Amino acid sequence: MRKLVLAGLFALSATGAMAADQALIDAAKKEGEVNWYTSQIVNQFVVPAKDAFEKKYGVKVNYIRGDASDLVLRITNEARAGRVQADAYDGTATSAGLKKDGLALKWTPADAMRNGKDYVDPEGYWVATNLYILTPGYNTQLVKKGTEPRTFQDLLDPKWKGKMAWATTPNSSSAPGFIAAVLAEMGDEKGVAYLRELAKQNIAGMSVAARQVLDQVIAGEYPIALQIFNHHTVISAAQGAPSDWIPMNPALGVFSVAGVTKDAPHPNAAKLLVDFLFSPEGQQVFSKAGYIPVDPNVPAPAAGLRPDGKDFRAVFMTPEAIDAAMPKWTKIYNDLFR
């Protein structure tokens, strides 16, 4: 009798879960469309994800692509004008700003803890969808493999003076993010002392995205790029570019997260899209597009891209932690490298 009761309870629980899922799907289909404000690369990921979602659910995806800071500004301005347009958002620096302004909905997928609590906002506003691992990259025609700098100390070698470049905007994929990794590894006192020495290497600063810095390196303008996305070098190398990355310890690990906008015009479709991006099926789309999924059961697009915690380590930081520490890192950059 006890087995029958337990079986019945399990069936009811499973049916309830399925009904809830179907209810969300039905509600999303009734809304018919979703407005996705994304920082992902359009041709690389947004279009494949859009196509897969539309094929699966029949809900149209409209997307707006921009850098995280631009997306936050746009969402904020639209909300202030009383015309919220964004349903779902993603990015590495979107959530902190939206939460501060009360523009993020407190919601995560039902199975948000599937990959572990580290990939879910403790306050319940976002779930991580993919990882960005920030390392140096280099031009394999200008730097022979085996001679590239492998450690922070190697970067101080006089032969690299004037031959390195990085982005200078205040975000994790620029100079301040590199400074974060140094301080995490060495502590403030030793870290700042090291950075003073690094400043003597005359690193070229660019007010562009990390992807554009890597493009300059691939074009031969500089041999080495600091603080670029390691998976970008793999994507470029697959297309024939002379690019590779360096597993320098520790890398800075950043979560790209997705969430739902408060007062979204299509809230159910937004929830369904975020749920899809986080699902095993959505994680496969990330991997096939060359991105590093958060799901440990979905392989990275190339071996070694995801830190193993032993030979290749990373310091992982949430969007909120990065937002809180960014003024400190930016000040150090301005004091030492400007």
Protein backbone atom coordinates (compact mmCIF):
# COMPACT_ATOMS: atom_id res chain seq x y z
CA MET A 1 0.00 0.00 0.00
CA ARG A 2 2.87 2.41 0.92
CA LYS A 3 4.48 1.80 -2.48
CA LEU A 4 1.20 2.52 -4.23
CA VAL A 5 0.73 5.77 -2.30
CA LEU A 6 4.28 6.90 -3.05
CA ALA A 7 3.84 6.01 -6.70
CA GLY A 8 0.63 7.99 -6.80
CA LEU A 9 2.26 10.99 -5.16
CA PHE A 10 5.15 10.82 -7.63
CA ALA A 11 2.74 10.67 -10.54
CA LEU A 12 0.86 13.68 -9.23
CA SER A 13 4.12 15.58 -8.72
CA ALA A 14 5.33 14.72 -12.20
CA THR A 15 1.97 15.59 -13.72
CA GLY A 16 1.98 18.90 -11.87
CA ALA A 17 5.45 19.73 -13.16
CA MET A 18 4.45 18.82 -16.70
CA ALA A 19 1.24 20.83 -16.39
CA ALA A 20 3.17 23.87 -15.14
CA ASP A 21 5.61 23.56 -18.04
CA GLN A 22 2.79 23.21 -20.53
CA ALA A 23 0.97 26.14 -18.96
CA LEU A 24 4.03 28.32 -19.52
CA ILE A 25 4.33 27.11 -23.11
CA ASP A 26 0.65 27.77 -23.77
CA ALA A 27 0.88 31.25 -22.24
CA ALA A 28 4.00 32.04 -24.28
CA LYS A 29 2.35 30.85 -27.48
CA LYS A 30 -0.65 33.04 -26.71
CA GLU A 31 1.67 36.06 -26.42
CA GLY A 32 3.17 35.03 -29.73
CA GLU A 33 6.52 36.80 -29.55
CA VAL A 34 9.39 37.78 -27.30
CA ASN A 35 11.73 40.78 -27.40
CA TRP A 36 15.26 39.67 -26.53
CA TYR A 37 17.85 42.31 -25.63
CA THR A 38 21.14 40.46 -26.07
CA SER A 39 24.86 41.08 -25.91
CA GLN A 40 25.67 37.85 -27.76
CA ILE A 41 27.16 37.94 -31.26
CA VAL A 42 24.29 37.87 -33.75
CA ASN A 43 25.50 35.51 -36.46
CA GLN A 44 27.49 33.36 -34.07
CA PHE A 45 24.78 32.67 -31.50
CA VAL A 46 21.67 34.85 -31.58
CA VAL A 47 20.40 33.64 -34.95
CA PRO A 48 20.98 29.91 -34.25
CA ALA A 49 19.31 30.25 -30.84
CA LYS A 50 16.41 32.23 -32.33
CA ASP A 51 15.87 29.62 -35.03
CA ALA A 52 15.98 26.71 -32.55
CA PHE A 53 13.55 28.40 -30.14
CA GLU A 54 11.09 29.38 -32.87
CA LYS A 55 11.20 25.87 -34.34
CA LYS A 56 10.56 24.28 -30.95
CA TYR A 57 7.83 26.58 -29.65
CA GLY A 58 6.49 28.59 -32.57
CA VAL A 59 7.06 31.84 -30.67
CA LYS A 60 8.65 34.62 -32.71
CA VAL A 61 11.91 36.10 -31.42
CA ASN A 62 12.69 39.77 -32.00
CA TYR A 63 16.19 40.74 -30.91
CA ILE A 64 18.11 43.89 -30.17
CA ARG A 65 21.88 43.47 -29.98
CA GLY A 66 24.17 45.77 -28.00
CA ASP A 67 26.92 45.90 -25.41
CA ALA A 68 25.71 45.30 -21.86
CA SER A 69 26.00 48.94 -20.80
CA ASP A 70 24.09 50.07 -23.89
CA LEU A 71 21.34 47.55 -23.22
CA VAL A 72 20.94 48.70 -19.62
CA LEU A 73 20.72 52.31 -20.77
CA ARG A 74 18.15 51.45 -23.41
CA ILE A 75 15.98 49.40 -21.06
CA THR A 76 16.20 52.12 -18.40
CA ASN A 77 15.24 54.89 -20.81
CA GLU A 78 12.32 52.90 -22.19
CA ALA A 79 11.07 52.18 -18.66
CA ARG A 80 11.32 55.84 -17.69
CA ALA A 81 9.31 56.74 -20.76
CA GLY A 82 6.64 54.27 -19.67
CA ARG A 83 7.29 52.01 -22.67
CA VAL A 84 8.99 48.84 -21.50
CA GLN A 85 9.93 46.91 -24.64
CA ALA A 86 12.46 44.32 -23.48
CA ASP A 87 11.14 40.96 -22.33
CA ALA A 88 14.34 39.01 -21.75
CA TYR A 89 17.92 40.21 -21.40
CA ASP A 90 21.36 38.68 -21.15
CA GLY A 91 24.97 39.73 -20.66
CA THR A 92 27.77 39.94 -18.16
CA ALA A 93 26.96 43.39 -16.81
CA THR A 94 23.24 43.85 -17.46
CA SER A 95 21.74 42.32 -14.35
CA ALA A 96 23.51 44.46 -11.73
CA GLY A 97 22.31 47.72 -13.28
CA LEU A 98 18.79 46.48 -13.92
CA LYS A 99 18.45 45.17 -10.38
CA LYS A 100 19.61 48.50 -8.94
CA ASP A 101 16.97 50.32 -10.96
CA GLY A 102 14.21 47.84 -10.08
CA LEU A 103 13.87 46.74 -13.70
CA ALA A 104 14.62 43.03 -13.29
CA LEU A 105 11.93 40.47 -12.47
CA LYS A 106 12.65 38.09 -9.61
CA TRP A 107 12.38 34.79 -11.44
CA THR A 108 14.55 31.83 -12.43
CA PRO A 109 13.73 28.53 -14.19
CA ALA A 110 12.20 25.77 -12.09
CA ASP A 111 15.39 23.67 -12.39
CA ALA A 112 17.77 26.62 -11.97
CA MET A 113 19.89 24.66 -9.46
CA ARG A 114 20.54 21.90 -12.00
CA ASN A 115 24.16 22.95 -12.53
CA GLY A 116 24.76 24.09 -8.95
CA LYS A 117 24.03 27.17 -6.88
CA ASP A 118 27.07 29.05 -8.18
CA TYR A 119 25.30 29.58 -11.50
CA VAL A 120 22.15 31.11 -10.01
CA ASP A 121 21.68 34.58 -8.56
CA PRO A 122 21.36 34.18 -4.76
CA GLU A 123 18.65 36.85 -4.91
CA GLY A 124 16.77 34.96 -7.63
CA TYR A 125 16.92 37.35 -10.59
CA TRP A 126 19.11 35.51 -13.11
CA VAL A 127 20.60 32.21 -14.18
CA ALA A 128 23.98 31.82 -15.86
CA THR A 129 23.84 30.53 -19.44
CA ASN A 130 27.47 30.49 -20.57
CA LEU A 131 30.97 31.18 -19.33
CA TYR A 132 33.47 33.74 -20.53
CA ILE A 133 37.04 32.85 -19.68
CA LEU A 134 39.36 35.82 -20.09
CA THR A 135 42.99 35.08 -20.93
CA PRO A 136 45.76 36.46 -23.13
CA GLY A 137 45.65 35.56 -26.81
CA TYR A 138 48.34 35.80 -29.48
CA ASN A 139 49.14 35.77 -33.17
CA THR A 140 50.72 32.40 -33.95
CA GLN A 141 52.59 33.83 -36.92
CA LEU A 142 54.24 36.52 -34.80
CA VAL A 143 54.77 34.43 -31.67
CA LYS A 144 56.03 30.92 -32.21
CA LYS A 145 54.11 28.37 -30.18
CA GLY A 146 56.15 27.44 -27.13
CA THR A 147 57.65 30.90 -26.80
CA GLU A 148 54.48 32.71 -25.68
CA PRO A 149 54.38 34.14 -22.12
CA ARG A 150 52.76 31.61 -19.80
CA THR A 151 52.69 33.46 -16.46
CA PHE A 152 52.14 36.97 -15.16
CA GLN A 153 55.89 37.24 -14.56
CA ASP A 154 56.60 36.26 -18.17
CA LEU A 155 54.71 39.38 -19.28
CA LEU A 156 57.45 41.49 -17.68
CA ASP A 157 60.10 40.14 -20.07
CA PRO A 158 61.60 43.13 -21.96
CA LYS A 159 61.02 41.36 -25.28
CA TRP A 160 57.26 41.98 -24.90
CA LYS A 161 57.61 45.71 -24.29
CA GLY A 162 55.38 47.61 -26.72
CA LYS A 163 54.04 44.37 -28.17
CA MET A 164 50.91 43.89 -26.06
CA ALA A 165 47.44 45.43 -26.30
CA TRP A 166 44.23 45.45 -24.29
CA ALA A 167 40.86 47.15 -24.20
CA THR A 168 40.52 50.04 -21.78
CA THR A 169 36.78 50.35 -21.22
CA PRO A 170 35.62 49.77 -17.61
CA ASN A 171 34.53 46.14 -17.81
CA SER A 172 35.76 42.65 -17.08
CA SER A 173 37.04 42.00 -20.63
CA SER A 174 39.35 45.01 -20.49
CA ALA A 175 42.33 46.20 -18.47
CA PRO A 176 40.32 46.46 -15.20
CA GLY A 177 39.38 42.78 -15.55
CA PHE A 178 43.04 41.82 -15.95
CA ILE A 179 43.82 43.85 -12.84
CA ALA A 180 41.09 41.91 -11.00
CA ALA A 181 42.76 38.59 -11.82
CA VAL A 182 46.16 39.88 -10.67
CA LEU A 183 44.80 41.15 -7.36
CA ALA A 184 42.88 37.92 -6.78
CA GLU A 185 46.08 35.93 -7.22
CA MET A 186 48.61 38.19 -5.49
CA GLY A 187 46.60 40.32 -3.08
CA ASP A 188 46.42 44.10 -3.17
CA GLU A 189 49.94 45.01 -2.04
CA LYS A 190 51.92 42.55 -4.17
CA GLY A 191 49.41 42.88 -6.99
CA VAL A 192 49.78 46.65 -7.25
CA ALA A 193 53.57 46.31 -7.09
CA TYR A 194 53.44 43.85 -9.98
CA LEU A 195 51.14 46.13 -11.97
CA ARG A 196 53.57 49.01 -11.53
CA GLU A 197 56.20 46.89 -13.26
CA LEU A 198 53.75 45.81 -15.95
CA ALA A 199 52.96 49.46 -16.68
CA LYS A 200 56.56 49.86 -17.86
CA GLN A 201 55.79 47.47 -20.74
CA ASN A 202 53.89 50.19 -22.62
CA ILE A 203 50.74 48.18 -23.26
CA ALA A 204 48.67 49.69 -26.07
CA GLY A 205 45.21 50.70 -24.90
CA MET A 206 42.16 50.63 -27.16
CA SER A 207 38.68 51.99 -26.44
CA VAL A 208 37.07 49.00 -28.14
CA ALA A 209 35.65 45.58 -27.26
CA ALA A 210 37.95 42.66 -26.46
CA ARG A 211 36.93 40.97 -29.71
CA GLN A 212 38.27 43.96 -31.64
CA VAL A 213 41.56 43.83 -29.76
CA LEU A 214 41.94 40.21 -30.79
CA ASP A 215 41.11 41.17 -34.37
CA GLN A 216 43.97 43.69 -34.29
CA VAL A 217 46.31 40.97 -33.05
CA ILE A 218 45.15 38.59 -35.76
CA ALA A 219 45.78 41.36 -38.32
CA GLY A 220 49.37 41.60 -37.08
CA GLU A 221 49.17 45.00 -35.37
CA TYR A 222 50.32 43.48 -32.08
CA PRO A 223 51.65 40.01 -31.21
CA ILE A 224 49.73 39.63 -27.93
CA ALA A 225 46.30 40.65 -26.60
CA LEU A 226 45.62 40.69 -22.89
CA GLN A 227 42.20 39.88 -21.43
CA ILE A 228 40.35 38.41 -24.40
CA PHE A 229 37.73 35.64 -24.52
CA ASN A 230 39.62 32.39 -25.00
CA HIS A 231 36.85 30.83 -27.10
CA HIS A 232 37.12 33.68 -29.62
CA THR A 233 40.60 32.52 -30.57
CA VAL A 234 39.24 29.04 -31.23
CA ILE A 235 36.44 30.39 -33.41
CA SER A 236 38.92 32.50 -35.40
CA ALA A 237 41.46 29.68 -35.71
CA ALA A 238 38.75 27.42 -37.14
CA GLN A 239 38.29 30.03 -39.86
CA GLY A 240 42.00 30.01 -40.67
CA ALA A 241 43.18 32.92 -38.54
CA PRO A 242 46.59 32.75 -36.79
CA SER A 243 45.18 32.87 -33.26
CA ASP A 244 45.54 30.92 -30.04
CA TRP A 245 45.08 31.56 -26.33
CA ILE A 246 47.24 31.15 -23.24
CA PRO A 247 45.98 29.30 -20.12
CA MET A 248 47.54 31.85 -17.76
CA ASN A 249 46.69 31.23 -14.10
CA PRO A 250 44.38 32.47 -12.91
CA ALA A 251 42.03 33.57 -15.64
CA LEU A 252 39.03 35.72 -14.82
CA GLY A 253 35.82 33.73 -15.19
CA VAL A 254 32.67 35.72 -15.91
CA PHE A 255 29.07 34.55 -16.10
CA SER A 256 26.87 35.62 -18.96
CA VAL A 257 23.43 35.57 -17.37
CA ALA A 258 19.85 35.79 -18.58
CA GLY A 259 16.77 37.15 -16.88
CA VAL A 260 13.33 38.62 -17.40
CA THR A 261 12.56 42.34 -17.40
CA LYS A 262 10.06 43.63 -14.86
CA ASP A 263 6.76 44.67 -16.49
CA ALA A 264 7.80 42.88 -19.69
CA PRO A 265 5.11 43.03 -22.39
CA HIS A 266 5.53 39.27 -23.04
CA PRO A 267 6.57 37.86 -19.64
CA ASN A 268 5.69 34.23 -20.32
CA ALA A 269 7.52 34.15 -23.63
CA ALA A 270 10.49 35.76 -21.85
CA LYS A 271 10.49 33.06 -19.17
CA LEU A 272 10.26 30.37 -21.82
CA LEU A 273 13.22 31.85 -23.72
CA VAL A 274 15.40 32.04 -20.61
CA ASP A 275 14.36 28.51 -19.71
CA PHE A 276 15.34 27.38 -23.22
CA LEU A 277 18.77 29.04 -23.09
CA PHE A 278 19.46 27.31 -19.78
CA SER A 279 18.04 23.93 -20.84
CA PRO A 280 20.30 21.09 -22.07
CA GLU A 281 19.01 21.77 -25.58
CA GLY A 282 19.87 25.45 -25.36
CA GLN A 283 23.26 24.61 -23.89
CA GLN A 284 23.97 22.50 -26.97
CA VAL A 285 23.26 25.57 -29.11
CA PHE A 286 25.90 27.49 -27.14
CA SER A 287 28.45 24.72 -27.63
CA LYS A 288 27.78 24.36 -31.36
CA ALA A 289 28.15 28.13 -31.74
CA GLY A 290 31.61 28.02 -30.16
CA TYR A 291 30.64 29.22 -26.68
CA ILE A 292 31.38 27.59 -23.31
CA PRO A 293 28.15 26.25 -21.75
CA VAL A 294 27.62 26.32 -17.99
CA ASP A 295 26.16 22.80 -18.07
CA PRO A 296 29.07 20.47 -17.17
CA ASN A 297 27.40 17.69 -19.17
CA VAL A 298 27.60 19.70 -22.39
CA PRO A 299 31.16 19.80 -23.73
CA ALA A 300 32.96 23.03 -24.51
CA PRO A 301 33.59 23.57 -28.23
CA ALA A 302 37.29 22.77 -27.76
CA ALA A 303 39.26 20.86 -25.17
CA GLY A 304 40.69 22.90 -22.32
CA LEU A 305 38.60 26.04 -22.73
CA ARG A 306 36.73 25.41 -19.49
CA PRO A 307 39.06 25.65 -16.45
CA ASP A 308 39.60 22.34 -14.68
CA GLY A 309 40.65 23.94 -11.38
CA LYS A 310 44.03 22.20 -11.46
CA ASP A 311 46.24 22.87 -14.46
CA PHE A 312 44.04 25.76 -15.54
CA ARG A 313 42.40 27.86 -12.85
CA ALA A 314 39.94 30.72 -12.92
CA VAL A 315 38.60 33.23 -10.45
CA PHE A 316 34.85 33.34 -11.04
CA MET A 317 32.89 36.46 -10.20
CA THR A 318 29.19 37.25 -10.35
CA PRO A 319 27.94 40.31 -12.23
CA GLU A 320 27.16 41.99 -8.90
CA ALA A 321 30.68 41.37 -7.53
CA ILE A 322 32.22 42.78 -10.69
CA ASP A 323 29.96 45.81 -10.56
CA ALA A 324 30.91 46.49 -6.94
CA ALA A 325 34.67 46.19 -7.52
CA MET A 326 34.90 47.88 -10.92
CA PRO A 327 35.53 51.41 -9.53
CA LYS A 328 38.55 50.09 -7.59
CA TRP A 329 40.03 48.27 -10.59
CA THR A 330 39.39 51.23 -12.88
CA LYS A 331 41.13 53.60 -10.46
CA ILE A 332 44.20 51.36 -10.36
CA TYR A 333 44.23 51.30 -14.16
CA ASN A 334 43.94 55.09 -14.37
CA ASP A 335 46.64 55.61 -11.74
CA LEU A 336 49.18 53.21 -13.24
CA PHE A 337 48.53 52.89 -16.95
CA ARG A 338 47.07 56.20 -18.16
